[in-house]
Protein backbone atom coordinates (compact mmCIF):
# COMPACT_ATOMS: atom_id res chain seq x y z
CA GLY A 1 74.96 115.64 102.91
CA ASP A 2 72.96 118.60 104.11
CA GLY A 3 72.95 117.63 107.78
CA PRO A 4 75.53 118.07 110.52
CA ALA A 5 77.66 115.17 109.23
CA GLY A 6 78.00 116.78 105.84
CA SER A 7 78.68 120.26 107.13
CA SER A 8 81.37 119.00 109.54
CA ARG A 9 83.40 117.74 106.61
CA GLU A 10 83.50 121.09 104.79
CA THR A 11 86.94 122.66 104.66
CA PRO A 12 86.93 126.07 106.36
CA ARG A 13 88.25 128.91 104.27
CA ARG A 14 90.21 130.34 107.23
CA PHE A 15 92.04 128.64 110.06
CA SER A 16 90.44 128.79 113.44
CA ARG A 17 92.49 130.08 116.36
CA GLU A 18 92.97 126.54 117.61
CA GLN A 19 94.21 125.35 114.25
CA LEU A 20 96.63 128.26 113.97
CA PHE A 21 98.07 127.47 117.39
CA ILE A 22 98.49 123.84 116.46
CA LEU A 23 100.40 124.87 113.32
CA ILE A 24 102.72 127.11 115.38
CA SER A 25 103.43 124.33 117.86
CA ALA A 26 104.14 121.71 115.18
CA ALA A 27 106.29 124.14 113.20
CA SER A 28 108.40 124.98 116.22
CA MET A 29 108.87 121.26 117.00
CA ASN A 30 109.80 120.38 113.41
CA LEU A 31 112.29 123.24 113.12
CA GLY A 32 113.99 122.69 116.47
CA SER A 33 114.15 118.88 116.25
CA MET A 34 115.47 118.84 112.71
CA MET A 35 118.12 121.39 113.54
CA ALA A 36 119.21 119.32 116.57
CA TYR A 37 119.27 116.20 114.39
CA SER A 38 121.22 117.65 111.45
CA ILE A 39 123.67 119.88 113.28
CA LEU A 40 126.05 116.90 113.77
CA GLY A 41 126.58 116.25 110.06
CA PRO A 42 129.41 118.66 109.14
CA PHE A 43 131.76 118.18 112.09
CA PHE A 44 130.78 115.33 114.47
CA PRO A 45 132.11 112.49 112.22
CA LYS A 46 135.59 114.15 112.22
CA GLU A 47 135.35 114.87 115.95
CA ALA A 48 134.38 111.25 116.65
CA GLU A 49 137.29 110.06 114.48
CA ASN A 50 139.68 112.12 116.64
CA LYS A 51 138.12 110.47 119.72
CA GLY A 52 138.98 107.01 118.45
CA ALA A 53 135.75 105.94 116.68
CA SER A 54 135.92 104.09 113.36
CA ASN A 55 133.74 105.00 110.36
CA THR A 56 131.57 101.97 111.08
CA MET A 57 131.17 103.02 114.72
CA ILE A 58 130.26 106.56 113.68
CA GLY A 59 127.54 105.07 111.45
CA VAL A 60 126.31 103.03 114.37
CA ILE A 61 126.17 106.14 116.63
CA PHE A 62 124.05 107.92 113.99
CA GLY A 63 121.95 104.79 113.42
CA CYS A 64 121.15 104.05 117.07
CA TYR A 65 119.05 107.25 117.14
CA ALA A 66 116.69 105.79 114.56
CA LEU A 67 116.56 102.35 116.22
CA PHE A 68 115.25 103.73 119.50
CA GLU A 69 113.02 106.27 117.72
CA PHE A 70 111.48 103.21 116.02
CA LEU A 71 110.78 101.50 119.35
CA ALA A 72 109.55 104.72 120.91
CA SER A 73 107.18 105.45 118.01
CA LEU A 74 105.55 101.98 118.31
CA VAL A 75 105.05 102.34 122.03
CA PHE A 76 103.86 105.98 121.96
CA GLY A 77 101.59 105.37 118.97
CA LYS A 78 99.91 102.49 120.79
CA TYR A 79 99.43 104.35 124.11
CA LEU A 80 98.81 107.87 122.80
CA VAL A 81 95.23 108.03 124.07
CA TYR A 82 96.33 106.86 127.51
CA ILE A 83 99.29 109.27 127.89
CA GLY A 84 97.68 112.25 126.20
CA ALA A 85 98.89 113.87 122.98
CA LYS A 86 99.70 117.26 124.50
CA PHE A 87 101.69 115.85 127.41
CA MET A 88 103.58 113.57 125.04
CA PHE A 89 104.41 116.41 122.73
CA ILE A 90 105.71 118.70 125.50
CA ALA A 91 107.68 115.93 127.27
CA GLY A 92 109.29 114.90 123.99
CA MET A 93 110.48 118.45 123.28
CA PHE A 94 111.83 118.85 126.79
CA ILE A 95 113.87 115.66 126.57
CA SER A 96 115.18 116.60 123.11
CA GLY A 97 116.32 120.06 124.19
CA GLY A 98 117.94 118.84 127.42
CA VAL A 99 120.05 116.10 125.83
CA THR A 100 121.13 118.41 122.97
CA ILE A 101 122.75 120.60 125.66
CA ILE A 102 124.31 117.52 127.23
CA PHE A 103 125.75 116.56 123.84
CA GLY A 104 127.62 119.87 123.85
CA VAL A 105 129.94 118.78 126.71
CA MET A 106 130.80 115.36 125.22
CA ASP A 107 134.15 116.61 123.99
CA GLN A 108 135.31 116.79 127.61
CA LEU A 109 135.05 113.00 127.94
CA PRO A 110 138.13 110.74 127.54
CA ASP A 111 138.84 109.29 124.15
CA GLY A 112 137.80 105.77 123.24
CA PRO A 113 135.06 103.61 124.83
CA ILE A 114 133.78 106.24 127.30
CA PHE A 115 133.16 108.84 124.59
CA ILE A 116 131.53 106.22 122.28
CA ALA A 117 129.34 104.80 125.07
CA MET A 118 128.10 108.24 126.16
CA SER A 119 127.46 109.19 122.56
CA PHE A 120 125.17 106.15 122.30
CA LEU A 121 123.36 106.95 125.56
CA VAL A 122 122.68 110.59 124.71
CA ARG A 123 121.49 109.77 121.18
CA VAL A 124 119.19 107.06 122.54
CA ILE A 125 117.51 109.45 125.01
CA ASP A 126 117.20 112.09 122.32
CA ALA A 127 115.55 109.56 120.00
CA ILE A 128 112.96 108.63 122.65
CA GLY A 129 112.09 112.32 123.12
CA PHE A 130 111.81 112.93 119.37
CA GLY A 131 109.74 109.80 118.87
CA ALA A 132 107.23 111.05 121.46
CA ALA A 133 107.06 114.53 119.99
CA ILE A 134 106.67 113.54 116.32
CA THR A 135 104.06 110.86 117.04
CA ALA A 136 101.96 113.26 119.07
CA SER A 137 102.40 116.08 116.52
CA SER A 138 101.25 114.04 113.53
CA SER A 139 98.21 112.77 115.43
CA ILE A 140 97.18 116.25 116.60
CA LEU A 141 97.61 117.72 113.15
CA THR A 142 95.55 115.01 111.48
CA LYS A 143 92.84 115.41 114.10
CA ALA A 144 92.71 119.18 113.57
CA PHE A 145 92.89 119.08 109.72
CA PRO A 146 91.06 115.90 108.68
CA ASN A 147 90.39 117.07 105.12
CA ASN A 148 93.85 118.52 104.40
CA VAL A 149 96.21 116.02 105.92
CA ALA A 150 98.84 115.97 103.12
CA THR A 151 98.67 119.72 102.55
CA VAL A 152 99.27 120.50 106.20
CA LEU A 153 101.97 117.86 106.70
CA GLY A 154 103.64 118.89 103.46
CA SER A 155 103.59 122.56 104.46
CA LEU A 156 105.08 121.78 107.82
CA GLU A 157 107.87 119.91 106.07
CA VAL A 158 109.07 123.39 105.08
CA PHE A 159 110.08 123.82 108.73
CA SER A 160 111.59 120.31 108.83
CA GLY A 161 113.46 121.12 105.67
CA LEU A 162 114.46 124.55 107.09
CA GLY A 163 115.84 122.77 110.12
CA LEU A 164 117.84 120.45 107.87
CA VAL A 165 118.93 123.49 105.79
CA VAL A 166 119.93 125.73 108.68
CA GLY A 167 121.34 123.01 110.96
CA PRO A 168 124.41 121.83 109.03
CA PRO A 169 125.80 125.21 107.91
CA LEU A 170 124.96 126.87 111.24
CA GLY A 171 126.55 123.96 113.12
CA GLY A 172 129.63 124.06 110.85
CA PHE A 173 130.20 127.77 111.22
CA LEU A 174 129.58 127.83 114.99
CA TYR A 175 131.96 124.90 115.35
CA GLN A 176 134.58 126.60 113.19
CA SER A 177 134.21 129.91 115.09
CA PHE A 178 133.57 128.89 118.74
CA GLY A 179 134.43 125.19 119.06
CA TYR A 180 132.41 122.05 119.78
CA GLU A 181 130.21 123.11 122.69
CA VAL A 182 128.45 126.26 121.34
CA PRO A 183 126.38 124.67 118.53
CA PHE A 184 124.73 122.16 120.82
CA ILE A 185 124.22 124.32 123.91
CA SER A 186 122.75 127.27 121.94
CA LEU A 187 120.36 125.05 119.98
CA GLY A 188 119.28 123.10 123.07
CA CYS A 189 118.39 126.31 124.79
CA VAL A 190 116.27 127.48 121.84
CA VAL A 191 114.29 124.18 121.93
CA LEU A 192 113.68 124.53 125.67
CA LEU A 193 112.61 128.15 125.34
CA VAL A 194 109.67 127.34 123.01
CA ILE A 195 108.21 124.79 125.46
CA PRO A 196 106.30 127.35 127.58
CA LEU A 197 104.71 128.77 124.46
CA ASN A 198 103.51 125.26 123.44
CA ILE A 199 102.16 124.54 126.92
CA TYR A 200 100.00 127.67 126.64
CA ILE A 201 98.73 127.40 123.08
CA LEU A 202 98.46 123.66 122.32
CA PRO A 203 94.94 122.20 122.85
CA SER A 204 94.22 118.88 124.56
CA TYR A 205 92.40 116.10 122.70
CA GLU A 206 90.71 113.06 124.30
CA SER A 207 89.73 109.82 122.62
CA GLU A 208 88.68 106.28 123.37
CA PRO A 209 91.20 103.41 122.93
CA SER A 210 90.95 101.48 119.72
CA GLU A 211 90.43 97.73 119.36
CA HIS A 212 92.79 97.58 116.38
CA SER A 213 96.50 96.98 116.60
CA PHE A 214 99.74 97.87 114.86
CA TRP A 215 99.96 94.32 113.62
CA LYS A 216 96.63 94.50 111.85
CA LEU A 217 97.58 97.80 110.24
CA ALA A 218 101.08 96.73 109.25
CA THR A 219 99.96 93.45 107.64
CA LEU A 220 97.64 95.17 105.18
CA PRO A 221 99.41 94.59 101.78
CA LYS A 222 99.33 98.24 100.67
CA VAL A 223 100.47 99.48 104.09
CA GLY A 224 103.34 96.92 104.01
CA LEU A 225 104.55 98.27 100.68
CA ILE A 226 104.24 101.87 101.80
CA ALA A 227 106.24 100.94 104.90
CA PHE A 228 108.95 99.56 102.56
CA ILE A 229 108.87 102.87 100.63
CA LEU A 230 109.44 104.79 103.91
CA ILE A 231 112.27 102.51 104.97
CA SER A 232 114.07 102.86 101.62
CA VAL A 233 113.77 106.66 101.40
CA SER A 234 114.78 107.23 105.02
CA SER A 235 117.73 104.86 104.65
CA CYS A 236 118.90 107.04 101.77
CA PHE A 237 118.75 110.16 103.99
CA GLY A 238 120.46 108.32 106.84
CA PHE A 239 123.11 106.91 104.46
CA LEU A 240 124.41 110.43 103.75
CA ASP A 241 124.54 111.63 107.39
CA PRO A 242 127.83 110.06 108.53
CA ILE A 243 129.75 109.85 105.22
CA LEU A 244 128.78 112.67 102.87
CA SER A 245 130.83 115.20 104.88
CA LEU A 246 133.76 112.75 104.92
CA PHE A 247 133.56 112.25 101.16
CA VAL A 248 133.37 115.99 100.47
CA LEU A 249 136.23 116.76 102.88
CA GLY A 250 138.43 114.13 101.27
CA LYS A 251 137.47 114.66 97.65
CA PHE A 252 137.17 118.46 97.38
CA ASN A 253 139.15 119.63 100.48
CA LEU A 254 136.46 122.02 101.66
CA PRO A 255 136.59 123.56 105.18
CA ALA A 256 134.01 122.33 107.75
CA GLY A 257 131.88 125.50 107.47
CA TYR A 258 131.41 125.06 103.72
CA VAL A 259 130.71 121.33 104.01
CA GLY A 260 127.48 122.25 105.77
CA LEU A 261 126.38 124.20 102.70
CA VAL A 262 126.55 121.04 100.59
CA PHE A 263 123.71 119.63 102.70
CA LEU A 264 121.57 122.53 101.47
CA GLY A 265 121.41 120.85 98.04
CA LEU A 266 119.30 118.06 99.52
CA ALA A 267 117.33 119.85 102.26
CA LEU A 268 116.30 123.10 100.54
CA PRO A 269 114.60 121.51 97.47
CA TYR A 270 112.87 119.06 99.80
CA ALA A 271 111.51 121.92 101.95
CA ILE A 272 110.34 123.90 98.93
CA SER A 273 108.70 121.03 97.02
CA SER A 274 106.94 119.34 99.98
CA PRO A 275 103.99 121.82 100.19
CA LEU A 276 103.35 121.37 96.46
CA PHE A 277 103.28 117.59 96.70
CA GLY A 278 101.05 117.89 99.76
CA LEU A 279 98.57 120.05 97.89
CA LEU A 280 98.61 117.62 94.92
CA SER A 281 98.02 114.66 97.24
CA ASP A 282 94.93 116.29 98.76
CA LYS A 283 93.45 117.76 95.57
CA MET A 284 94.19 114.71 93.37
CA PRO A 285 94.33 111.61 95.61
CA ARG A 286 94.75 109.31 92.59
CA LEU A 287 98.08 111.01 91.91
CA ARG A 288 99.59 109.93 95.25
CA LYS A 289 100.53 106.43 94.07
CA TRP A 290 102.49 107.68 91.10
CA LEU A 291 104.28 110.24 93.23
CA LEU A 292 105.38 107.38 95.49
CA VAL A 293 106.50 105.23 92.58
CA PHE A 294 108.34 107.84 90.52
CA GLY A 295 109.85 109.56 93.58
CA ASN A 296 111.59 106.29 94.49
CA LEU A 297 112.78 105.53 90.97
CA ILE A 298 114.28 109.01 90.59
CA THR A 299 116.02 108.59 93.97
CA ALA A 300 117.53 105.36 92.71
CA VAL A 301 118.98 107.11 89.67
CA CYS A 302 120.29 109.95 91.85
CA PHE A 303 122.27 107.54 94.05
CA MET A 304 123.82 105.92 90.97
CA LEU A 305 125.06 109.40 89.91
CA LEU A 306 125.97 110.67 93.39
CA GLY A 307 129.49 109.22 93.33
CA PRO A 308 129.07 108.72 90.46
CA ALA A 309 129.22 104.89 90.25
CA PRO A 310 132.55 103.87 88.66
CA VAL A 311 130.75 101.74 86.07
CA LEU A 312 129.37 104.98 84.54
CA HIS A 313 132.87 106.43 83.93
CA ILE A 314 131.79 109.93 84.91
CA LYS A 315 134.21 112.19 86.72
CA SER A 316 133.17 113.29 90.19
CA GLN A 317 132.67 117.06 90.29
CA MET A 318 131.32 119.41 92.92
CA TRP A 319 128.66 120.93 90.70
CA LEU A 320 127.41 117.51 89.69
CA LEU A 321 127.19 116.36 93.31
CA VAL A 322 125.11 119.41 94.31
CA LEU A 323 122.86 119.03 91.24
CA ILE A 324 122.13 115.38 92.10
CA LEU A 325 121.37 116.33 95.70
CA VAL A 326 118.92 118.96 94.49
CA VAL A 327 117.08 116.43 92.29
CA ASN A 328 117.12 113.90 95.10
CA GLY A 329 115.57 116.46 97.49
CA VAL A 330 112.60 116.95 95.11
CA ALA A 331 112.24 113.17 94.64
CA ALA A 332 112.21 112.70 98.42
CA GLY A 333 109.30 115.14 98.71
CA MET A 334 107.44 113.05 96.05
CA SER A 335 108.07 109.85 98.00
CA ILE A 336 107.47 111.00 101.55
CA ILE A 337 104.49 113.40 101.61
CA PRO A 338 101.81 111.04 100.17
CA THR A 339 102.67 108.20 102.56
CA PHE A 340 100.69 109.33 105.62
CA PRO A 341 97.37 110.04 103.83
CA GLU A 342 97.76 106.76 101.85
CA VAL A 343 98.23 104.71 105.02
CA LEU A 344 95.38 106.55 106.73
CA SER A 345 93.06 106.05 103.75
CA CYS A 346 93.90 102.39 103.61
CA ALA A 347 93.21 102.01 107.36
CA TYR A 348 89.78 103.61 107.00
CA GLU A 349 88.95 101.38 104.00
CA ASN A 350 89.73 98.31 106.13
CA GLY A 351 87.48 99.13 109.05
CA PHE A 352 89.60 101.29 111.39
CA GLU A 353 87.40 103.79 113.10
CA GLU A 354 88.00 107.54 112.76
CA GLY A 355 89.51 109.08 115.84
CA LEU A 356 92.73 109.91 117.72
CA SER A 357 93.45 106.28 118.48
CA THR A 358 93.69 105.32 114.79
CA LEU A 359 95.67 108.50 114.10
CA GLY A 360 98.09 107.45 116.81
CA LEU A 361 98.53 104.01 115.22
CA VAL A 362 99.12 105.47 111.73
CA SER A 363 101.43 108.18 113.06
CA GLY A 364 103.39 105.69 115.16
CA LEU A 365 103.68 103.23 112.29
CA THR A 366 104.91 105.73 109.73
CA SER A 367 107.37 107.20 112.28
CA ALA A 368 108.59 103.77 113.20
CA MET A 369 109.11 102.69 109.55
CA TRP A 370 110.98 105.93 108.86
CA SER A 371 113.20 105.14 111.86
CA VAL A 372 113.95 101.62 110.60
CA GLY A 373 115.45 103.07 107.43
CA ALA A 374 117.22 105.85 109.37
CA PHE A 375 118.80 103.12 111.52
CA ILE A 376 119.87 100.96 108.60
CA GLY A 377 121.14 103.82 106.42
CA PRO A 378 123.95 105.22 108.56
CA MET A 379 125.19 101.81 109.62
CA LEU A 380 125.20 100.48 106.04
CA GLY A 381 126.71 103.73 104.80
CA GLY A 382 129.55 103.72 107.30
CA PHE A 383 130.33 100.04 106.63
CA LEU A 384 130.18 100.29 102.83
CA TYR A 385 132.18 103.54 102.79
CA GLU A 386 134.91 101.81 104.75
CA LYS A 387 134.89 98.69 102.53
CA ILE A 388 134.24 99.83 98.97
CA GLY A 389 134.34 103.62 98.98
CA PHE A 390 131.61 106.29 98.56
CA GLU A 391 131.03 105.83 94.84
CA TRP A 392 130.13 102.14 95.02
CA ALA A 393 128.44 102.49 98.39
CA ALA A 394 125.99 105.09 96.97
CA ALA A 395 125.22 102.85 94.02
CA VAL A 396 124.46 99.90 96.29
CA GLN A 397 122.23 102.13 98.42
CA GLY A 398 120.28 103.10 95.29
CA LEU A 399 119.02 99.52 94.99
CA TRP A 400 116.64 100.12 97.94
CA PRO A 401 114.46 102.79 96.36
CA LEU A 402 114.73 101.00 92.96
CA THR A 403 113.21 97.83 94.52
CA SER A 404 110.57 99.60 96.53
CA GLY A 405 109.50 101.81 93.64
CA LEU A 406 109.15 98.85 91.25
CA ALA A 407 107.24 96.82 93.85
CA MET A 408 104.86 99.68 94.58
CA GLY A 409 104.29 100.29 90.90
CA LEU A 410 103.45 96.67 90.20
CA PHE A 411 101.03 96.63 93.12
CA TYR A 412 99.19 99.70 91.89
CA LEU A 413 99.00 98.37 88.31
CA ARG A 414 97.54 95.15 89.63
CA GLU A 415 95.09 97.06 91.79
CA ASP A 416 93.95 99.20 88.85
CA SER A 417 93.45 96.14 86.61
CA ARG A 418 91.30 94.49 89.28
CA ARG A 419 89.12 97.60 89.60
CA ARG A 420 88.61 97.78 85.86
CA SER A 421 87.72 94.10 85.57
CA LYS A 422 85.30 94.09 88.56
CA PRO A 423 82.42 96.05 86.97
CA GLN A 424 82.61 93.78 83.88
CA SER A 425 82.47 90.66 86.05
CA ILE A 426 79.41 91.95 87.89
CA MET A 427 77.69 92.76 84.57
CA ASP A 428 78.49 89.29 83.18
CA THR A 429 77.04 87.66 86.32
CA GLU A 430 73.84 89.72 86.12
CA GLU A 431 73.39 88.73 82.42
CA GLU A 432 73.85 85.09 83.27
CA LYS A 433 71.19 85.30 86.01
CA ALA A 434 68.75 87.05 83.67
CA ALA A 435 69.24 84.30 81.03
CA LEU A 436 68.45 81.59 83.56
CA LEU A 437 65.19 83.20 84.75
CA PRO A 438 61.82 82.13 83.21
CA CYS A 439 60.42 84.53 80.62
CA GLY A 440 57.43 85.43 82.71
CA VAL A 441 59.37 86.38 85.78
């Protein structure tokens, strides 16, 4: 349109000062939070084993983070407009930085139940803080960049991926050089130090509460399938957290510092490919569905080859493991980046009003579904690793993205066939009506 409504939807060629500040705030949160999340991977499982925790219990410690992030995302998404997006963002970062420092003194606790119980407690509080920050961040970004949601979210995944890239090797080398405390305390301080900057530069948004609910959004068929996609992909990420380092240490006898580098094979390709898939999702919205489908199917193949599965009779080698992680990282970008704009588009098509309230619902729902998979993945990974070994466990895990990819593909094929048949049905109906009318009419 030529009026104000039409001009407001035009994409500006340059970022405004407010948009630039929002990008800086979100980037700092993504980087710091992902580093804090991933820094445990190379050395905490071994440390927890020495403290008396079984492999299954280690998986539960990793998984409880996602369970409480799931609950926090649902609550914070619902009440975002009441709490305020900026306050929720700042409070979440403060909690996350503080408990990361507390995690650094956990090695001083007695072995056994006390250490395990405190590990649970600290991870739960950290999950609540992260749930608040990520829900607020996604809502603010979508509000500030309504026409480039996937591009912006995909670009910021560079910082999430960078956090996943830097966290494991940095944590491994700091642990190897200075001991258990230094990685957590130094990283927690970095997260706390960026809070004053975010207080100053992050704008405040206000919105009216929505009449719609999480239940109405989640029960939309397409949204339900996309939620299944998120659960399957995040469970694959979470599956590797507690056991990949144990497998590499046992199979290839690498020192802890080098184990962290193996995680680069997954995180670095994801970080590099995410902006590309975000741009494709915004420029060619019809491509999103096939990114979702093929991303999951490729992930399923990767998990069959990760061990590799004994039925394939392929020898496990370090170069093959890293190569499969690289391909899996690209496939993860294909699967994850289009989910938010797809859910948001589906919500608008089904009568949800545009505004911060709906953005909070979509952000909370996508974060919650990601957390469900991140809860199931480590628990299932730790249990299967203990019972059947890494090779078979990875193959079983690959059934998740295989099922979700096929289900999503069938849904889209059915949706496309309905759209093609609809115009023909309308034309046939109009011809029938014309035949029944008198000649003079």
